[in-house]
């Protein structure tokens, strides 16, 4: 079942945790790729110095986060990686969830070609395990660039399905690479799947 807009119209921390275990679907050309969401991070500008919109800064880059929920926010980082976020909460509230890692389910072959330019059977064990285990890696594997910024998550290009999978628990921890964010660096807003529950 595809998630509707009201799923995203909640606190980013709730959405970030609830996305764990659900399926991210990416469609383009004739390709359909499905992966399980296994790691996310929440960002809430009002109280979060790690957020791009902290302090109410509406810029060409951040304005989508101040808009309605259920849209993709894609940004470029370190001059080399794209990152996929889902806008949450109501219009005027700047919050989003970063999709940090995926477990490939359907069409790993396409993910391999996108990520490495190689057939799946040509990959090393290390390459296979690293195909989508980071925000930049998964965007590469799913062919997500700035072109997808603003994509409606209730549409057909990028969306999330709930297949009823619940055989896990969610671990909460500090977010990664935000040491500059003062007290916000200690918020337990990173959500990771734990299959050994």
Protein backbone atom coordinates (compact mmCIF):
# COMPACT_ATOMS: atom_id res chain seq x y z
CA UNK A 1 0.00 0.00 0.00
CA UNK A 2 1.41 3.39 -1.02
CA UNK A 3 1.73 5.89 1.81
CA UNK A 4 -0.55 8.91 1.55
CA UNK A 5 0.34 12.53 2.29
CA UNK A 6 -1.05 12.41 5.83
CA UNK A 7 1.72 9.93 6.74
CA UNK A 8 4.28 12.71 6.19
CA UNK A 9 2.14 15.40 7.85
CA UNK A 10 3.57 14.61 11.31
CA UNK A 11 6.60 15.38 13.47
CA UNK A 12 9.80 14.46 11.58
CA UNK A 13 10.92 12.25 14.48
CA UNK A 14 7.72 10.19 14.26
CA UNK A 15 7.95 9.94 10.46
CA UNK A 16 11.66 9.08 10.60
CA UNK A 17 11.01 6.17 12.94
CA UNK A 18 7.87 5.01 11.10
CA UNK A 19 9.69 4.91 7.74
CA UNK A 20 12.01 2.19 9.03
CA UNK A 21 11.08 -1.15 7.47
CA UNK A 22 8.96 0.35 4.71
CA UNK A 23 9.78 0.08 0.99
CA UNK A 24 11.15 2.93 -1.08
CA UNK A 25 10.05 2.59 -4.70
CA UNK A 26 11.94 4.35 -7.51
CA UNK A 27 10.59 4.32 -11.07
CA UNK A 28 12.16 5.83 -14.18
CA UNK A 29 12.14 4.86 -17.87
CA UNK A 30 11.34 1.12 -17.75
CA UNK A 31 13.07 0.51 -14.42
CA UNK A 32 11.38 -0.26 -11.10
CA UNK A 33 13.63 -0.52 -8.04
CA UNK A 34 12.43 -1.44 -4.56
CA UNK A 35 14.49 -1.22 -1.38
CA UNK A 36 13.73 -1.45 2.32
CA UNK A 37 14.42 1.70 4.34
CA UNK A 38 16.81 0.73 7.16
CA UNK A 39 18.21 4.06 8.39
CA UNK A 40 16.85 7.61 8.62
CA UNK A 41 17.56 10.88 10.43
CA UNK A 42 15.09 13.58 11.47
CA UNK A 43 15.71 17.34 11.12
CA UNK A 44 13.46 20.03 12.66
CA UNK A 45 14.60 23.58 11.91
CA UNK A 46 12.85 25.26 14.82
CA UNK A 47 15.01 23.51 17.44
CA UNK A 48 17.79 21.93 15.39
CA UNK A 49 21.04 23.69 14.50
CA UNK A 50 21.85 20.85 12.08
CA UNK A 51 18.87 21.72 9.87
CA UNK A 52 19.43 23.67 6.66
CA UNK A 53 16.46 25.83 7.64
CA UNK A 54 17.56 26.61 11.21
CA UNK A 55 16.69 30.17 12.18
CA UNK A 56 13.86 30.30 9.66
CA UNK A 57 16.22 30.73 6.70
CA UNK A 58 14.11 30.39 3.55
CA UNK A 59 16.46 30.16 0.56
CA UNK A 60 16.05 28.75 -2.95
CA UNK A 61 17.53 25.51 -1.55
CA UNK A 62 15.45 25.24 1.63
CA UNK A 63 12.08 26.66 0.52
CA UNK A 64 10.72 23.21 -0.30
CA UNK A 65 11.15 22.19 3.36
CA UNK A 66 8.85 25.06 4.36
CA UNK A 67 6.20 23.81 1.96
CA UNK A 68 3.59 21.07 2.30
CA UNK A 69 4.57 17.57 3.47
CA UNK A 70 5.14 14.59 1.24
CA UNK A 71 7.65 16.00 -1.23
CA UNK A 72 11.28 15.09 -1.90
CA UNK A 73 14.03 17.50 -0.88
CA UNK A 74 17.25 16.60 -2.73
CA UNK A 75 20.46 18.52 -2.09
CA UNK A 76 24.10 18.28 -3.16
CA UNK A 77 26.83 17.84 -0.54
CA UNK A 78 30.64 17.93 -0.54
CA UNK A 79 30.50 18.76 -4.24
CA UNK A 80 29.91 15.11 -5.10
CA UNK A 81 26.88 13.46 -3.41
CA UNK A 82 23.12 13.89 -3.56
CA UNK A 83 20.99 13.30 -0.47
CA UNK A 84 17.29 12.37 -0.45
CA UNK A 85 14.98 13.80 2.20
CA UNK A 86 11.22 13.64 2.74
CA UNK A 87 9.51 16.88 3.77
CA UNK A 88 7.33 16.46 6.87
CA UNK A 89 4.77 18.44 8.89
CA UNK A 90 2.51 21.21 7.68
CA UNK A 91 3.25 24.09 5.36
CA UNK A 92 5.35 26.77 7.04
CA UNK A 93 7.11 24.27 9.31
CA UNK A 94 10.63 23.39 8.17
CA UNK A 95 11.31 19.74 8.86
CA UNK A 96 12.41 16.70 6.91
CA UNK A 97 13.71 13.15 7.17
CA UNK A 98 16.99 12.14 5.55
CA UNK A 99 16.98 8.66 4.00
CA UNK A 100 20.36 7.30 5.10
CA UNK A 101 20.43 3.64 4.03
CA UNK A 102 18.48 1.00 2.11
CA UNK A 103 18.48 -2.79 1.79
CA UNK A 104 17.98 -3.67 -1.91
CA UNK A 105 14.96 -5.89 -2.62
CA UNK A 106 13.96 -5.75 -6.30
CA UNK A 107 16.17 -4.92 -9.30
CA UNK A 108 19.60 -5.03 -7.67
CA UNK A 109 20.94 -5.35 -11.21
CA UNK A 110 19.82 -1.82 -12.06
CA UNK A 111 21.22 -0.52 -8.76
CA UNK A 112 24.57 -2.13 -9.57
CA UNK A 113 24.70 -0.53 -13.02
CA UNK A 114 23.79 2.88 -11.62
CA UNK A 115 26.24 2.71 -8.74
CA UNK A 116 29.25 0.96 -10.26
CA UNK A 117 28.63 0.71 -14.01
CA UNK A 118 28.93 -3.08 -13.64
CA UNK A 119 26.70 -6.11 -13.75
CA UNK A 120 25.66 -7.44 -10.35
CA UNK A 121 27.65 -10.65 -10.83
CA UNK A 122 30.80 -8.59 -11.43
CA UNK A 123 30.67 -6.93 -8.02
CA UNK A 124 32.89 -7.88 -5.13
CA UNK A 125 31.30 -8.83 -1.80
CA UNK A 126 32.37 -5.43 -0.46
CA UNK A 127 30.73 -3.59 -3.37
CA UNK A 128 27.50 -5.54 -2.92
CA UNK A 129 27.33 -4.64 0.78
CA UNK A 130 28.02 -0.97 -0.02
CA UNK A 131 25.51 -0.52 -2.83
CA UNK A 132 23.04 1.63 -0.86
CA UNK A 133 24.30 1.87 2.74
CA UNK A 134 24.75 5.65 2.80
CA UNK A 135 22.73 8.68 1.66
CA UNK A 136 24.99 9.51 -1.29
CA UNK A 137 25.34 5.86 -2.28
CA UNK A 138 21.60 5.21 -2.36
CA UNK A 139 20.95 8.29 -4.48
CA UNK A 140 23.58 7.05 -6.90
CA UNK A 141 22.05 3.55 -6.93
CA UNK A 142 18.53 4.91 -7.49
CA UNK A 143 19.52 7.54 -10.06
CA UNK A 144 18.36 10.41 -7.86
CA UNK A 145 19.78 13.89 -8.58
CA UNK A 146 18.61 17.49 -8.21
CA UNK A 147 16.19 16.66 -11.04
CA UNK A 148 14.10 14.82 -8.42
CA UNK A 149 14.02 17.78 -6.00
CA UNK A 150 10.35 18.61 -5.40
CA UNK A 151 9.04 15.20 -6.51
CA UNK A 152 5.62 14.42 -5.07
CA UNK A 153 5.94 11.34 -2.85
CA UNK A 154 2.32 10.43 -3.57
CA UNK A 155 3.10 10.27 -7.30
CA UNK A 156 4.70 7.53 -9.39
CA UNK A 157 8.42 8.40 -9.58
CA UNK A 158 9.48 8.11 -5.93
CA UNK A 159 7.15 6.82 -3.22
CA UNK A 160 6.96 4.56 -0.18
CA UNK A 161 4.97 1.37 0.29
CA UNK A 162 4.00 -0.43 3.48
CA UNK A 163 4.17 -4.19 2.92
CA UNK A 164 3.30 -4.99 6.54
CA UNK A 165 6.82 -6.10 7.49
CA UNK A 166 7.26 -5.62 11.25
CA UNK A 167 9.85 -8.26 12.26
CA UNK A 168 12.34 -5.79 13.72
CA UNK A 169 12.82 -3.09 16.29
CA UNK A 170 14.14 0.43 15.80
CA UNK A 171 17.35 1.62 17.46
CA UNK A 172 17.77 5.33 18.21
CA UNK A 173 21.15 7.06 18.28
CA UNK A 174 22.93 10.35 17.59
CA UNK A 175 23.02 11.63 14.03
CA UNK A 176 26.22 11.49 11.96
CA UNK A 177 28.63 14.24 10.81
CA UNK A 178 26.93 17.16 12.57
CA UNK A 179 29.48 18.05 15.26
CA UNK A 180 28.97 21.74 14.39
CA UNK A 181 25.34 21.62 15.59
CA UNK A 182 26.16 22.23 19.30
CA UNK A 183 23.51 20.65 21.55
CA UNK A 184 21.64 19.25 18.52
CA UNK A 185 24.50 16.85 17.81
CA UNK A 186 23.36 14.85 20.83
CA UNK A 187 19.72 14.48 19.81
CA UNK A 188 18.80 10.81 19.37
CA UNK A 189 17.16 11.44 16.00
CA UNK A 190 18.86 8.70 13.98
CA UNK A 191 16.72 5.60 13.45
CA UNK A 192 18.20 2.25 12.43
CA UNK A 193 16.59 -1.12 11.80
CA UNK A 194 17.49 -3.95 14.17
CA UNK A 195 16.50 -7.30 12.68
CA UNK A 196 17.62 -9.19 15.80
CA UNK A 197 14.65 -8.21 17.92
